[in-house]
Amino acid sequence: MSFVVEKEWLKSRLDIENIRIADCRFNLGLSEEGSNLYAKDHIPGAVYFHLGKDLSGPVSAHGGRHPLPDIDVFKQTLQNAGISNETTVIAYDGGEGSYEARLWWLMKYAGHENVYVLNGGYKAWSEAGYPIDNSVPEYAKTEFEITLNNDIFASYDEVKKAVEDKSQETIIIDSRERKRYLGEVEPIDKKAGHIPGAINKVWLEGYENGSFKSNHEQSERFSDIAPNKQIIVYCGSGVTATPNFMALKAAGYPNVKLYAGSFSDWISYDDNEIETGE
């Protein structure tokens, strides 16, 4: 099972009408950097998806720092980009892997199967000297029918139940860097630590030299987890957990869900416990 395409594959298909390329470049510290980079140059024919404006909804008391967008609003975004249920979507970011994976997961959640990420992102594309331009394409508005796939979405209540159950029937995976999981540092959220019972599988370990590791290598990363377990992945706000979701699916794990609100949602409930250390 593969969810990535190589730059050579995409280069040979730039003129295919039924392929839509999605530029998802973003910088958490500079929210307009991605759109500015897109305006400067991008893969020909690409449309821009902004993490905060297109791939997230408004922040409220609960839901985390990057809550999911309203599904009807997301539907309009896809339709305005000329994406229908028959369109093959190729997402890319700057080479980090997390922003393109966010759109990939959202489209899977919306019921769209033909969506992939560009291995190595824009960095690999531009370094190869492949075509770029700065024109903003216009596509005819399409119709896109949403069919929500709730099998890949974990609600707050579901996570809360898994934490309280303690039966290990559900494995909760924290995708953040080790120091944040341990609670030694917390540069973003108001509390440090992790959801009780969660194990740590750092999302960046799914990549090597900017490229998504092979399915076999992803399997080795998760070899300590039984394939029949229900798995819930989270991170700080539901962005960097999506590459781990993709890695688990590539490794053949059938029962994987994303806790979209993630740690920033968990700590928005004052009564929730937090663990630190191992």
Protein backbone atom coordinates (compact mmCIF):
# COMPACT_ATOMS: atom_id res chain seq x y z
CA MET A 1 0.00 0.00 0.00
CA SER A 2 1.61 3.27 -1.11
CA PHE A 3 0.41 6.81 -0.55
CA VAL A 4 3.37 8.63 -2.10
CA VAL A 5 4.33 9.46 -5.67
CA GLU A 6 7.80 10.33 -6.86
CA LYS A 7 8.69 13.60 -8.55
CA GLU A 8 9.50 11.82 -11.82
CA TRP A 9 6.00 10.33 -11.91
CA LEU A 10 4.39 13.73 -11.42
CA LYS A 11 6.66 15.49 -13.92
CA SER A 12 5.47 13.14 -16.65
CA ARG A 13 1.82 13.88 -15.84
CA LEU A 14 1.69 17.67 -15.47
CA ASP A 15 -0.64 18.02 -18.43
CA ILE A 16 -3.22 15.46 -17.32
CA GLU A 17 -6.48 17.29 -16.72
CA ASN A 18 -7.80 14.95 -14.05
CA ILE A 19 -4.80 15.48 -11.74
CA ARG A 20 -4.94 18.38 -9.30
CA ILE A 21 -1.74 19.44 -7.53
CA ALA A 22 -2.13 20.99 -4.07
CA ASP A 23 0.57 23.25 -2.62
CA CYS A 24 0.39 22.98 1.19
CA ARG A 25 3.55 24.83 2.19
CA PHE A 26 3.30 26.48 5.59
CA ASN A 27 5.30 27.83 8.51
CA LEU A 28 3.74 27.61 11.98
CA GLY A 29 5.65 30.69 13.10
CA LEU A 30 4.91 32.77 9.99
CA SER A 31 1.41 31.94 8.84
CA GLU A 32 1.60 33.70 5.47
CA GLU A 33 5.02 32.38 4.47
CA GLY A 34 3.56 29.45 2.57
CA SER A 35 1.19 31.57 0.51
CA ASN A 36 4.01 34.02 -0.22
CA LEU A 37 6.24 31.18 -1.39
CA TYR A 38 3.40 29.93 -3.58
CA ALA A 39 2.98 33.37 -5.13
CA LYS A 40 6.70 33.44 -5.91
CA ASP A 41 6.82 30.03 -7.59
CA HIS A 42 5.17 26.62 -7.44
CA ILE A 43 4.65 23.45 -9.44
CA PRO A 44 2.73 24.37 -12.61
CA GLY A 45 -1.02 24.10 -12.18
CA ALA A 46 -0.89 23.85 -8.38
CA VAL A 47 -3.54 25.45 -6.18
CA TYR A 48 -2.70 26.65 -2.68
CA PHE A 49 -4.18 25.25 0.54
CA HIS A 50 -3.50 27.29 3.69
CA LEU A 51 -3.20 25.25 6.89
CA GLY A 52 -5.04 27.79 9.04
CA LYS A 53 -7.64 28.99 6.53
CA ASP A 54 -8.35 25.91 4.40
CA LEU A 55 -7.22 22.86 6.37
CA SER A 56 -8.38 24.03 9.82
CA GLY A 57 -11.42 25.65 11.38
CA PRO A 58 -11.73 28.56 13.81
CA VAL A 59 -10.12 28.02 17.22
CA SER A 60 -12.52 27.83 20.17
CA ALA A 61 -12.46 26.65 23.78
CA HIS A 62 -12.04 23.02 22.71
CA GLY A 63 -10.88 21.32 19.55
CA GLY A 64 -7.20 22.18 19.72
CA ARG A 65 -5.00 24.70 17.96
CA HIS A 66 -5.89 23.40 14.49
CA PRO A 67 -9.45 22.07 14.70
CA LEU A 68 -10.85 20.37 11.65
CA PRO A 69 -12.55 22.69 9.17
CA ASP A 70 -16.31 22.67 8.90
CA ILE A 71 -16.92 19.88 6.42
CA ASP A 72 -19.24 21.97 4.24
CA VAL A 73 -16.64 24.74 4.08
CA PHE A 74 -13.97 22.18 3.18
CA LYS A 75 -16.27 20.85 0.47
CA GLN A 76 -16.54 24.34 -1.03
CA THR A 77 -12.76 24.72 -0.88
CA LEU A 78 -12.30 21.51 -2.86
CA GLN A 79 -14.96 22.45 -5.39
CA ASN A 80 -13.45 25.90 -5.90
CA ALA A 81 -10.10 24.22 -6.59
CA GLY A 82 -11.69 22.17 -9.34
CA ILE A 83 -11.55 18.91 -7.37
CA SER A 84 -14.32 16.37 -7.95
CA ASN A 85 -14.74 12.82 -6.69
CA GLU A 86 -12.97 11.64 -9.85
CA THR A 87 -9.92 13.88 -9.45
CA THR A 88 -6.54 12.49 -8.44
CA VAL A 89 -4.99 14.87 -5.91
CA ILE A 90 -1.24 15.17 -5.34
CA ALA A 91 -0.32 17.20 -2.25
CA TYR A 92 3.09 18.67 -1.49
CA ASP A 93 4.68 20.92 1.09
CA GLY A 94 8.19 22.27 1.54
CA GLY A 95 9.58 18.82 2.20
CA GLU A 96 8.58 18.53 5.85
CA GLY A 97 5.86 16.00 5.10
CA SER A 98 3.34 17.07 7.74
CA TYR A 99 1.34 19.75 5.91
CA GLU A 100 0.82 17.66 2.80
CA ALA A 101 -0.18 14.74 5.05
CA ARG A 102 -2.78 16.94 6.74
CA LEU A 103 -4.55 17.50 3.42
CA TRP A 104 -4.08 13.82 2.54
CA TRP A 105 -5.81 12.75 5.78
CA LEU A 106 -8.59 15.33 5.40
CA MET A 107 -9.37 14.06 1.92
CA LYS A 108 -9.40 10.47 3.16
CA TYR A 109 -11.76 11.60 5.93
CA ALA A 110 -13.98 13.22 3.30
CA GLY A 111 -14.13 9.86 1.52
CA HIS A 112 -11.68 10.56 -1.30
CA GLU A 113 -9.37 7.65 -2.13
CA ASN A 114 -7.32 9.04 -5.01
CA VAL A 115 -5.03 11.30 -2.99
CA TYR A 116 -1.25 11.06 -2.63
CA VAL A 117 1.68 13.07 -1.33
CA LEU A 118 4.78 14.06 -3.30
CA ASN A 119 7.84 12.34 -1.88
CA GLY A 120 10.40 14.97 -0.89
CA GLY A 121 7.95 17.82 -1.46
CA TYR A 122 8.80 21.05 -3.23
CA LYS A 123 12.40 20.88 -2.06
CA ALA A 124 13.07 17.69 -4.01
CA TRP A 125 11.12 19.01 -7.01
CA SER A 126 12.98 22.32 -7.26
CA GLU A 127 16.40 20.77 -6.56
CA ALA A 128 15.81 18.44 -9.50
CA GLY A 129 15.36 21.48 -11.73
CA TYR A 130 11.82 20.50 -12.64
CA PRO A 131 9.34 23.06 -14.06
CA ILE A 132 8.03 25.84 -11.84
CA ASP A 133 6.00 28.97 -12.51
CA ASN A 134 4.17 31.73 -10.65
CA SER A 135 0.84 31.84 -12.48
CA VAL A 136 -2.28 31.23 -10.41
CA PRO A 137 -4.52 28.79 -12.29
CA GLU A 138 -8.28 29.07 -12.46
CA TYR A 139 -10.36 25.92 -12.61
CA ALA A 140 -14.05 25.50 -13.27
CA LYS A 141 -15.99 24.82 -10.09
CA THR A 142 -16.82 21.16 -9.66
CA GLU A 143 -19.17 19.06 -7.56
CA PHE A 144 -17.68 17.06 -4.70
CA GLU A 145 -19.79 14.69 -2.64
CA ILE A 146 -18.62 14.21 0.95
CA THR A 147 -18.81 10.70 2.39
CA LEU A 148 -17.31 10.96 5.86
CA ASN A 149 -15.04 8.09 6.86
CA ASN A 150 -15.49 8.12 10.62
CA ASP A 151 -13.41 4.94 10.89
CA ILE A 152 -10.28 7.11 10.76
CA PHE A 153 -11.48 9.83 13.17
CA ALA A 154 -11.13 9.59 16.96
CA SER A 155 -13.33 11.93 18.97
CA TYR A 156 -12.35 13.38 22.33
CA ASP A 157 -14.84 11.07 24.04
CA GLU A 158 -13.28 8.04 22.37
CA VAL A 159 -9.80 9.06 23.53
CA LYS A 160 -11.09 9.74 27.04
CA LYS A 161 -12.68 6.28 27.14
CA ALA A 162 -9.46 4.62 25.94
CA VAL A 163 -7.45 6.41 28.64
CA GLU A 164 -9.87 5.34 31.37
CA ASP A 165 -10.14 1.76 30.10
CA LYS A 166 -6.44 0.86 30.65
CA SER A 167 -6.98 -2.53 28.96
CA GLN A 168 -4.41 -1.83 26.25
CA GLU A 169 -6.99 -2.77 23.64
CA THR A 170 -6.43 0.70 22.22
CA ILE A 171 -2.88 1.95 21.70
CA ILE A 172 -2.47 5.73 21.88
CA ILE A 173 0.57 7.08 20.03
CA ASP A 174 2.08 10.49 20.73
CA SER A 175 3.83 11.64 17.55
CA ARG A 176 5.74 14.61 18.98
CA GLU A 177 9.46 14.85 19.62
CA ARG A 178 10.70 12.94 22.66
CA LYS A 179 11.33 15.97 24.88
CA ARG A 180 7.77 17.20 24.48
CA TYR A 181 6.35 13.74 25.13
CA LEU A 182 8.40 13.48 28.33
CA GLY A 183 7.30 16.96 29.41
CA GLU A 184 10.85 18.28 29.55
CA VAL A 185 10.04 21.16 27.19
CA GLU A 186 6.84 22.60 25.77
CA PRO A 187 7.34 25.48 23.33
CA ILE A 188 3.71 25.84 22.20
CA ASP A 189 1.04 24.49 24.56
CA LYS A 190 0.26 25.75 28.06
CA LYS A 191 0.95 22.38 29.71
CA ALA A 192 3.74 19.85 29.22
CA GLY A 193 3.61 16.07 29.12
CA HIS A 194 1.47 13.52 27.33
CA ILE A 195 -1.93 11.83 27.42
CA PRO A 196 -1.86 9.10 30.10
CA GLY A 197 -0.82 5.71 28.75
CA ALA A 198 0.40 7.02 25.40
CA ILE A 199 3.58 5.67 23.85
CA ASN A 200 5.97 7.80 21.81
CA LYS A 201 6.67 7.26 18.12
CA VAL A 202 8.24 10.43 16.73
CA TRP A 203 6.73 11.26 13.35
CA LEU A 204 10.04 12.40 11.86
CA GLU A 205 11.39 8.87 12.23
CA GLY A 206 9.16 7.92 9.31
CA TYR A 207 11.38 9.95 6.97
CA GLU A 208 14.95 9.73 5.73
CA ASN A 209 16.65 12.56 3.85
CA GLY A 210 13.28 14.21 3.36
CA SER A 211 11.64 11.16 1.78
CA PHE A 212 8.98 8.87 3.22
CA LYS A 213 10.50 5.56 4.28
CA SER A 214 9.50 2.30 2.59
CA ASN A 215 6.53 0.30 3.80
CA HIS A 216 8.91 -2.32 5.21
CA GLU A 217 10.81 0.31 7.18
CA GLN A 218 7.54 1.72 8.50
CA SER A 219 6.57 -1.80 9.63
CA GLU A 220 9.82 -2.06 11.57
CA ARG A 221 9.09 1.23 13.33
CA PHE A 222 5.85 -0.16 14.74
CA SER A 223 6.92 -3.79 15.17
CA ASP A 224 6.18 -3.65 18.92
CA ILE A 225 2.47 -3.01 18.23
CA ALA A 226 0.16 -5.92 17.40
CA PRO A 227 -1.53 -5.45 14.01
CA ASN A 228 -5.01 -6.17 15.43
CA LYS A 229 -4.95 -3.29 17.93
CA GLN A 230 -7.05 -0.16 17.61
CA ILE A 231 -4.53 2.68 17.28
CA ILE A 232 -5.12 6.38 17.91
CA VAL A 233 -2.41 8.84 16.86
CA TYR A 234 -2.07 12.41 18.10
CA CYS A 235 0.45 15.23 18.25
CA GLY A 236 0.15 18.82 19.42
CA SER A 237 -2.68 19.93 17.16
CA GLY A 238 -3.44 17.17 14.65
CA VAL A 239 -0.89 18.08 11.98
CA THR A 240 2.34 16.14 12.61
CA ALA A 241 0.38 13.06 13.68
CA THR A 242 -0.91 12.65 10.12
CA PRO A 243 2.43 11.34 8.76
CA ASN A 244 2.35 8.69 11.51
CA PHE A 245 -1.22 7.82 10.50
CA MET A 246 -0.03 7.46 6.91
CA ALA A 247 2.99 5.39 8.01
CA LEU A 248 0.84 3.00 10.03
CA LYS A 249 -1.52 2.48 7.10
CA ALA A 250 1.46 1.93 4.79
CA ALA A 251 2.74 -0.65 7.26
CA GLY A 252 -0.56 -2.54 6.98
CA TYR A 253 -2.30 -1.57 10.23
CA PRO A 254 -6.04 -1.59 9.48
CA ASN A 255 -7.45 0.14 12.57
CA VAL A 256 -5.88 3.59 12.83
CA LYS A 257 -7.57 6.83 13.85
CA LEU A 258 -6.44 10.43 14.21
CA TYR A 259 -7.29 12.39 17.34
CA ALA A 260 -7.59 15.63 15.43
CA GLY A 261 -7.73 17.90 18.48
CA SER A 262 -4.66 16.16 19.88
CA PHE A 263 -2.78 17.28 23.00
CA SER A 264 -3.92 20.90 22.72
CA ASP A 265 -7.52 19.69 22.89
CA TRP A 266 -6.83 17.22 25.71
CA ILE A 267 -5.37 19.93 27.96
CA SER A 268 -8.28 22.29 27.23
CA TYR A 269 -10.26 20.19 29.73
CA ASP A 270 -8.90 21.18 33.15
CA ASP A 271 -9.77 17.88 34.82
CA ASN A 272 -7.77 15.74 32.41
CA GLU A 273 -4.64 14.12 33.79
CA ILE A 274 -1.25 14.51 32.13
CA GLU A 275 1.72 12.19 32.43
CA THR A 276 5.38 13.16 32.26
CA GLY A 277 8.48 11.04 31.94
CA GLU A 278 8.52 7.49 30.60
